[in-house]
C-alpha cells in the first residue's frame, strides 16, 4: 500500500467519523424534541438547528470534497 493510499484512507476514515458524530448529535436532538413534545413544550431544536449539522461537522458537499482532495 502506498503512502498516498494510506493518506486517502485516513481522510475517508475522518469523514466517516464525522458522519457518525453527526448522527449521534441528530439522534440526541430528535430525542430531546420528542421528550419536549410529550411534555407539551416547544421544540428544543428548530429546523435551522438540524439544517446546520452538515456545516457544523464539515459534511456539506464542498467540505467533503475538499477533505478528500487533500490526500
PDB file of N, CA and C in Angstrom:
ATOM      1  N   UNK A   1       0.842  -1.168   0.000  1.00  0.00           N
ATOM      2  CA  UNK A   1       0.000   0.000   0.000  1.00  0.00           C
ATOM      3  C   UNK A   1       0.896   1.242   0.000  1.00  0.00           C
ATOM      4  N   UNK A   2       0.570   2.162  -0.849  1.00  0.00           N
ATOM      5  CA  UNK A   2       1.392   3.364  -0.956  1.00  0.00           C
ATOM      6  C   UNK A   2       1.022   4.387   0.113  1.00  0.00           C
ATOM      7  N   UNK A   3       1.917   5.337   0.315  1.00  0.00           N
ATOM      8  CA  UNK A   3       1.641   6.412   1.267  1.00  0.00           C
ATOM      9  C   UNK A   3       0.404   7.200   0.860  1.00  0.00           C
ATOM     10  N   UNK A   4       0.216   7.349  -0.435  1.00  0.00           N
ATOM     11  CA  UNK A   4      -0.950   8.073  -0.937  1.00  0.00           C
ATOM     12  C   UNK A   4      -2.243   7.321  -0.589  1.00  0.00           C
ATOM     13  N   UNK A   5      -2.218   6.008  -0.711  1.00  0.00           N
ATOM     14  CA  UNK A   5      -3.397   5.202  -0.351  1.00  0.00           C
ATOM     15  C   UNK A   5      -3.704   5.320   1.136  1.00  0.00           C
ATOM     16  N   UNK A   6      -2.658   5.283   1.951  1.00  0.00           N
ATOM     17  CA  UNK A   6      -2.842   5.405   3.399  1.00  0.00           C
ATOM     18  C   UNK A   6      -3.428   6.777   3.737  1.00  0.00           C
ATOM     19  N   UNK A   7      -2.919   7.816   3.112  1.00  0.00           N
ATOM     20  CA  UNK A   7      -3.426   9.164   3.360  1.00  0.00           C
ATOM     21  C   UNK A   7      -4.891   9.272   2.963  1.00  0.00           C
ATOM     22  N   UNK A   8      -5.252   8.700   1.835  1.00  0.00           N
ATOM     23  CA  UNK A   8      -6.645   8.740   1.387  1.00  0.00           C
ATOM     24  C   UNK A   8      -7.540   7.969   2.360  1.00  0.00           C
ATOM     25  N   UNK A   9      -7.092   6.828   2.827  1.00  0.00           N
ATOM     26  CA  UNK A   9      -7.877   6.041   3.785  1.00  0.00           C
ATOM     27  C   UNK A   9      -8.083   6.818   5.086  1.00  0.00           C
ATOM     28  N   UNK A  10      -7.081   7.564   5.512  1.00  0.00           N
ATOM     29  CA  UNK A  10      -7.217   8.381   6.718  1.00  0.00           C
ATOM     30  C   UNK A  10      -8.257   9.469   6.524  1.00  0.00           C
ATOM     31  N   UNK A  11      -8.260  10.087   5.358  1.00  0.00           N
ATOM     32  CA  UNK A  11      -9.243  11.137   5.075  1.00  0.00           C
ATOM     33  C   UNK A  11     -10.650  10.556   5.030  1.00  0.00           C
ATOM     34  N   UNK A  12     -10.797   9.391   4.435  1.00  0.00           N
ATOM     35  CA  UNK A  12     -12.110   8.731   4.379  1.00  0.00           C
ATOM     36  C   UNK A  12     -12.558   8.361   5.791  1.00  0.00           C
ATOM     37  N   UNK A  13     -11.643   7.839   6.599  1.00  0.00           N
ATOM     38  CA  UNK A  13     -11.970   7.491   7.983  1.00  0.00           C
ATOM     39  C   UNK A  13     -12.411   8.731   8.761  1.00  0.00           C
ATOM     40  N   UNK A  14     -11.761   9.846   8.509  1.00  0.00           N
ATOM     41  CA  UNK A  14     -12.139  11.097   9.177  1.00  0.00           C
ATOM     42  C   UNK A  14     -13.563  11.499   8.805  1.00  0.00           C
ATOM     43  N   UNK A  15     -13.868  11.452   7.516  1.00  0.00           N
ATOM     44  CA  UNK A  15     -15.217  11.821   7.063  1.00  0.00           C
ATOM     45  C   UNK A  15     -16.249  10.876   7.685  1.00  0.00           C
ATOM     46  N   UNK A  16     -15.961   9.588   7.697  1.00  0.00           N
ATOM     47  CA  UNK A  16     -16.895   8.623   8.273  1.00  0.00           C
ATOM     48  C   UNK A  16     -17.081   8.869   9.776  1.00  0.00           C
ATOM     49  N   UNK A  17     -16.017   9.222  10.468  1.00  0.00           N
ATOM     50  CA  UNK A  17     -16.129   9.531  11.898  1.00  0.00           C
ATOM     51  C   UNK A  17     -17.003  10.766  12.109  1.00  0.00           C
ATOM     52  N   UNK A  18     -16.879  11.741  11.239  1.00  0.00           N
ATOM     53  CA  UNK A  18     -17.718  12.932  11.320  1.00  0.00           C
ATOM     54  C   UNK A  18     -19.186  12.585  11.062  1.00  0.00           C
ATOM     55  N   UNK A  19     -19.423  11.666  10.133  1.00  0.00           N
ATOM     56  CA  UNK A  19     -20.796  11.222   9.846  1.00  0.00           C
ATOM     57  C   UNK A  19     -21.402  10.581  11.090  1.00  0.00           C
ATOM     58  N   UNK A  20     -20.647   9.700  11.733  1.00  0.00           N
ATOM     59  CA  UNK A  20     -21.149   9.035  12.940  1.00  0.00           C
ATOM     60  C   UNK A  20     -21.403  10.060  14.043  1.00  0.00           C
ATOM     61  N   UNK A  21     -20.512  11.004  14.202  1.00  0.00           N
ATOM     62  CA  UNK A  21     -20.696  12.045  15.219  1.00  0.00           C
ATOM     63  C   UNK A  21     -21.948  12.872  14.927  1.00  0.00           C
ATOM     64  N   UNK A  22     -22.148  13.211  13.674  1.00  0.00           N
ATOM     65  CA  UNK A  22     -23.340  13.978  13.288  1.00  0.00           C
ATOM     66  C   UNK A  22     -24.606  13.167  13.547  1.00  0.00           C
ATOM     67  N   UNK A  23     -24.571  11.880  13.251  1.00  0.00           N
ATOM     68  CA  UNK A  23     -25.738  11.031  13.502  1.00  0.00           C
ATOM     69  C   UNK A  23     -26.052  10.967  14.991  1.00  0.00           C
ATOM     70  N   UNK A  24     -25.027  10.885  15.820  1.00  0.00           N
ATOM     71  CA  UNK A  24     -25.239  10.877  17.271  1.00  0.00           C
ATOM     72  C   UNK A  24     -25.870  12.185  17.728  1.00  0.00           C
ATOM     73  N   UNK A  25     -25.361  13.290  17.227  1.00  0.00           N
ATOM     74  CA  UNK A  25     -25.923  14.594  17.597  1.00  0.00           C
ATOM     75  C   UNK A  25     -27.382  14.686  17.151  1.00  0.00           C
ATOM     76  N   UNK A  26     -27.666  14.252  15.923  1.00  0.00           N
ATOM     77  CA  UNK A  26     -29.042  14.288  15.426  1.00  0.00           C
ATOM     78  C   UNK A  26     -29.971  13.434  16.276  1.00  0.00           C
ATOM     79  N   UNK A  27     -29.516  12.258  16.666  1.00  0.00           N
ATOM     80  CA  UNK A  27     -30.338  11.373  17.496  1.00  0.00           C
ATOM     81  C   UNK A  27     -30.652  12.047  18.836  1.00  0.00           C
ATOM     82  N   UNK A  28     -29.672  12.698  19.413  1.00  0.00           N
ATOM     83  CA  UNK A  28     -29.893  13.415  20.668  1.00  0.00           C
ATOM     84  C   UNK A  28     -30.854  14.576  20.500  1.00  0.00           C
ATOM     85  N   UNK A  29     -30.718  15.287  19.400  1.00  0.00           N
ATOM     86  CA  UNK A  29     -31.621  16.403  19.129  1.00  0.00           C
ATOM     87  C   UNK A  29     -33.051  15.907  18.945  1.00  0.00           C
ATOM     88  N   UNK A  30     -33.202  14.821  18.211  1.00  0.00           N
ATOM     89  CA  UNK A  30     -34.530  14.251  17.992  1.00  0.00           C
ATOM     90  C   UNK A  30     -35.132  13.763  19.309  1.00  0.00           C
ATOM     91  N   UNK A  31     -34.313  13.129  20.126  1.00  0.00           N
ATOM     92  CA  UNK A  31     -34.801  12.629  21.414  1.00  0.00           C
ATOM     93  C   UNK A  31     -35.272  13.775  22.303  1.00  0.00           C
ATOM     94  N   UNK A  32     -34.503  14.846  22.342  1.00  0.00           N
ATOM     95  CA  UNK A  32     -34.907  15.995  23.153  1.00  0.00           C
ATOM     96  C   UNK A  32     -36.216  16.579  22.641  1.00  0.00           C
ATOM     97  N   UNK A  33     -36.328  16.738  21.329  1.00  0.00           N
ATOM     98  CA  UNK A  33     -37.566  17.277  20.771  1.00  0.00           C
ATOM     99  C   UNK A  33     -38.752  16.370  21.071  1.00  0.00           C
ATOM    100  N   UNK A  34     -38.554  15.060  20.990  1.00  0.00           N
ATOM    101  CA  UNK A  34     -39.624  14.112  21.288  1.00  0.00           C
ATOM    102  C   UNK A  34     -40.040  14.218  22.750  1.00  0.00           C
ATOM    103  N   UNK A  35     -39.062  14.298  23.638  1.00  0.00           N
ATOM    104  CA  UNK A  35     -39.345  14.431  25.067  1.00  0.00           C
ATOM    105  C   UNK A  35     -40.107  15.720  25.352  1.00  0.00           C
ATOM    106  N   UNK A  36     -39.680  16.794  24.752  1.00  0.00           N
ATOM    107  CA  UNK A  36     -40.355  18.076  24.964  1.00  0.00           C
ATOM    108  C   UNK A  36     -41.768  18.054  24.389  1.00  0.00           C
ATOM    109  N   UNK A  37     -41.936  17.380  23.269  1.00  0.00           N
ATOM    110  CA  UNK A  37     -43.265  17.265  22.672  1.00  0.00           C
ATOM    111  C   UNK A  37     -44.205  16.492  23.608  1.00  0.00           C
ATOM    112  N   UNK A  38     -43.705  15.432  24.189  1.00  0.00           N
ATOM    113  CA  UNK A  38     -44.515  14.644  25.136  1.00  0.00           C
ATOM    114  C   UNK A  38     -44.952  15.473  26.348  1.00  0.00           C
ATOM    115  N   UNK A  39     -44.089  16.416  26.742  1.00  0.00           N
ATOM    116  CA  UNK A  39     -44.426  17.289  27.877  1.00  0.00           C
ATOM    117  C   UNK A  39     -45.197  18.525  27.425  1.00  0.00           C
ATOM    118  N   UNK A  40     -45.522  18.551  26.131  1.00  0.00           N
ATOM    119  CA  UNK A  40     -46.268  19.675  25.524  1.00  0.00           C
ATOM    120  C   UNK A  40     -45.506  20.994  25.636  1.00  0.00           C
ATOM    121  N   UNK A  41     -44.188  20.897  25.485  1.00  0.00           N
ATOM    122  CA  UNK A  41     -43.325  22.078  25.472  1.00  0.00           C
ATOM    123  C   UNK A  41     -42.893  22.344  24.036  1.00  0.00           C
ATOM    124  N   UNK A  42     -42.381  23.528  23.821  1.00  0.00           N
ATOM    125  CA  UNK A  42     -41.886  23.851  22.483  1.00  0.00           C
ATOM    126  C   UNK A  42     -40.623  23.045  22.190  1.00  0.00           C
ATOM    127  N   UNK A  43     -40.348  22.876  20.925  1.00  0.00           N
ATOM    128  CA  UNK A  43     -39.182  22.094  20.496  1.00  0.00           C
ATOM    129  C   UNK A  43     -37.896  22.741  21.005  1.00  0.00           C
ATOM    130  N   UNK A  44     -36.963  21.907  21.420  1.00  0.00           N
ATOM    131  CA  UNK A  44     -35.669  22.407  21.857  1.00  0.00           C
ATOM    132  C   UNK A  44     -34.779  22.778  20.683  1.00  0.00           C
ATOM    133  N   UNK A  45     -34.997  22.099  19.573  1.00  0.00           N
ATOM    134  CA  UNK A  45     -34.214  22.348  18.358  1.00  0.00           C
ATOM    135  C   UNK A  45     -35.158  22.655  17.214  1.00  0.00           C
ATOM    136  N   UNK A  46     -34.780  23.624  16.424  1.00  0.00           N
ATOM    137  CA  UNK A  46     -35.592  24.036  15.278  1.00  0.00           C
ATOM    138  C   UNK A  46     -35.064  23.391  14.002  1.00  0.00           C
ATOM    139  N   UNK A  47     -35.792  23.602  12.940  1.00  0.00           N
ATOM    140  CA  UNK A  47     -35.354  23.099  11.638  1.00  0.00           C
ATOM    141  C   UNK A  47     -33.988  23.662  11.266  1.00  0.00           C
ATOM    142  N   UNK A  48     -33.763  24.917  11.599  1.00  0.00           N
ATOM    143  CA  UNK A  48     -32.466  25.541  11.302  1.00  0.00           C
ATOM    144  C   UNK A  48     -31.336  24.835  12.043  1.00  0.00           C
ATOM    145  N   UNK A  49     -31.590  24.396  13.266  1.00  0.00           N
ATOM    146  CA  UNK A  49     -30.571  23.660  14.030  1.00  0.00           C
ATOM    147  C   UNK A  49     -30.208  22.359  13.321  1.00  0.00           C
ATOM    148  N   UNK A  50     -31.236  21.667  12.819  1.00  0.00           N
ATOM    149  CA  UNK A  50     -30.986  20.423  12.095  1.00  0.00           C
ATOM    150  C   UNK A  50     -30.255  20.696  10.783  1.00  0.00           C
ATOM    151  N   UNK A  51     -30.649  21.766  10.119  1.00  0.00           N
ATOM    152  CA  UNK A  51     -30.007  22.118   8.847  1.00  0.00           C
ATOM    153  C   UNK A  51     -28.538  22.484   9.020  1.00  0.00           C
ATOM    154  N   UNK A  52     -28.164  22.937  10.204  1.00  0.00           N
ATOM    155  CA  UNK A  52     -26.788  23.368  10.463  1.00  0.00           C
ATOM    156  C   UNK A  52     -25.823  22.210  10.727  1.00  0.00           C
ATOM    157  N   UNK A  53     -26.332  21.030  10.985  1.00  0.00           N
ATOM    158  CA  UNK A  53     -25.467  19.885  11.325  1.00  0.00           C
ATOM    159  C   UNK A  53     -24.413  19.600  10.255  1.00  0.00           C
ATOM    160  N   UNK A  54     -24.761  19.532   8.971  1.00  0.00           N
ATOM    161  CA  UNK A  54     -23.704  19.268   7.978  1.00  0.00           C
ATOM    162  C   UNK A  54     -22.598  20.321   7.990  1.00  0.00           C
ATOM    163  N   UNK A  55     -22.963  21.554   8.250  1.00  0.00           N
ATOM    164  CA  UNK A  55     -21.954  22.620   8.300  1.00  0.00           C
ATOM    165  C   UNK A  55     -21.090  22.455   9.544  1.00  0.00           C
ATOM    166  N   UNK A  56     -21.748  22.212  10.676  1.00  0.00           N
ATOM    167  CA  UNK A  56     -21.022  22.063  11.944  1.00  0.00           C
ATOM    168  C   UNK A  56     -19.998  20.928  11.894  1.00  0.00           C
ATOM    169  N   UNK A  57     -20.354  19.841  11.226  1.00  0.00           N
ATOM    170  CA  UNK A  57     -19.475  18.675  11.177  1.00  0.00           C
ATOM    171  C   UNK A  57     -18.654  18.596   9.892  1.00  0.00           C
ATOM    172  N   UNK A  58     -18.700  19.622   9.074  1.00  0.00           N
ATOM    173  CA  UNK A  58     -17.919  19.629   7.838  1.00  0.00           C
ATOM    174  C   UNK A  58     -18.361  18.564   6.855  1.00  0.00           C
ATOM    175  N   UNK A  59     -19.667  18.380   6.755  1.00  0.00           N
ATOM    176  CA  UNK A  59     -20.189  17.320   5.896  1.00  0.00           C
ATOM    177  C   UNK A  59     -20.978  17.846   4.703  1.00  0.00           C
ATOM    178  N   UNK A  60     -20.948  19.138   4.503  1.00  0.00           N
ATOM    179  CA  UNK A  60     -21.604  19.637   3.297  1.00  0.00           C
ATOM    180  C   UNK A  60     -20.729  19.284   2.097  1.00  0.00           C
ATOM    181  N   UNK A  61     -21.297  19.328   0.945  1.00  0.00           N
ATOM    182  CA  UNK A  61     -20.667  18.821  -0.281  1.00  0.00           C
ATOM    183  C   UNK A  61     -19.239  19.331  -0.482  1.00  0.00           C
ATOM    184  N   UNK A  62     -19.063  20.629  -0.467  1.00  0.00           N
ATOM    185  CA  UNK A  62     -17.732  21.178  -0.737  1.00  0.00           C
ATOM    186  C   UNK A  62     -16.724  20.829   0.338  1.00  0.00           C
ATOM    187  N   UNK A  63     -17.163  20.741   1.588  1.00  0.00           N
ATOM    188  CA  UNK A  63     -16.242  20.389   2.671  1.00  0.00           C
ATOM    189  C   UNK A  63     -15.722  18.961   2.513  1.00  0.00           C
ATOM    190  N   UNK A  64     -16.619  18.040   2.161  1.00  0.00           N
ATOM    191  CA  UNK A  64     -16.183  16.649   1.981  1.00  0.00           C
ATOM    192  C   UNK A  64     -15.250  16.536   0.792  1.00  0.00           C
ATOM    193  N   UNK A  65     -15.588  17.208  -0.294  1.00  0.00           N
ATOM    194  CA  UNK A  65     -14.700  17.153  -1.460  1.00  0.00           C
ATOM    195  C   UNK A  65     -13.323  17.733  -1.145  1.00  0.00           C
ATOM    196  N   UNK A  66     -13.313  18.822  -0.399  1.00  0.00           N
ATOM    197  CA  UNK A  66     -12.039  19.449  -0.031  1.00  0.00           C
ATOM    198  C   UNK A  66     -11.228  18.507   0.869  1.00  0.00           C
ATOM    199  N   UNK A  67     -11.888  17.895   1.832  1.00  0.00           N
ATOM    200  CA  UNK A  67     -11.202  16.962   2.734  1.00  0.00           C
ATOM    201  C   UNK A  67     -10.601  15.805   1.961  1.00  0.00           C
ATOM    202  N   UNK A  68     -11.375  15.244   1.051  1.00  0.00           N
ATOM    203  CA  UNK A  68     -10.882  14.086   0.294  1.00  0.00           C
ATOM    204  C   UNK A  68      -9.846  14.470  -0.757  1.00  0.00           C
ATOM    205  N   UNK A  69      -9.832  15.708  -1.162  1.00  0.00           N
ATOM    206  CA  UNK A  69      -8.867  16.146  -2.173  1.00  0.00           C
ATOM    207  C   UNK A  69      -7.505  16.489  -1.576  1.00  0.00           C
ATOM    208  N   UNK A  70      -7.393  16.471  -0.247  1.00  0.00           N
ATOM    209  CA  UNK A  70      -6.139  16.881   0.395  1.00  0.00           C
ATOM    210  C   UNK A  70      -5.202  15.717   0.705  1.00  0.00           C
ATOM    211  N   UNK A  71      -5.441  14.566   0.124  1.00  0.00           N
ATOM    212  CA  UNK A  71      -4.576  13.421   0.425  1.00  0.00           C
ATOM    213  C   UNK A  71      -3.305  13.447  -0.345  1.00  0.00           C
TER     214      UNK A  71
END
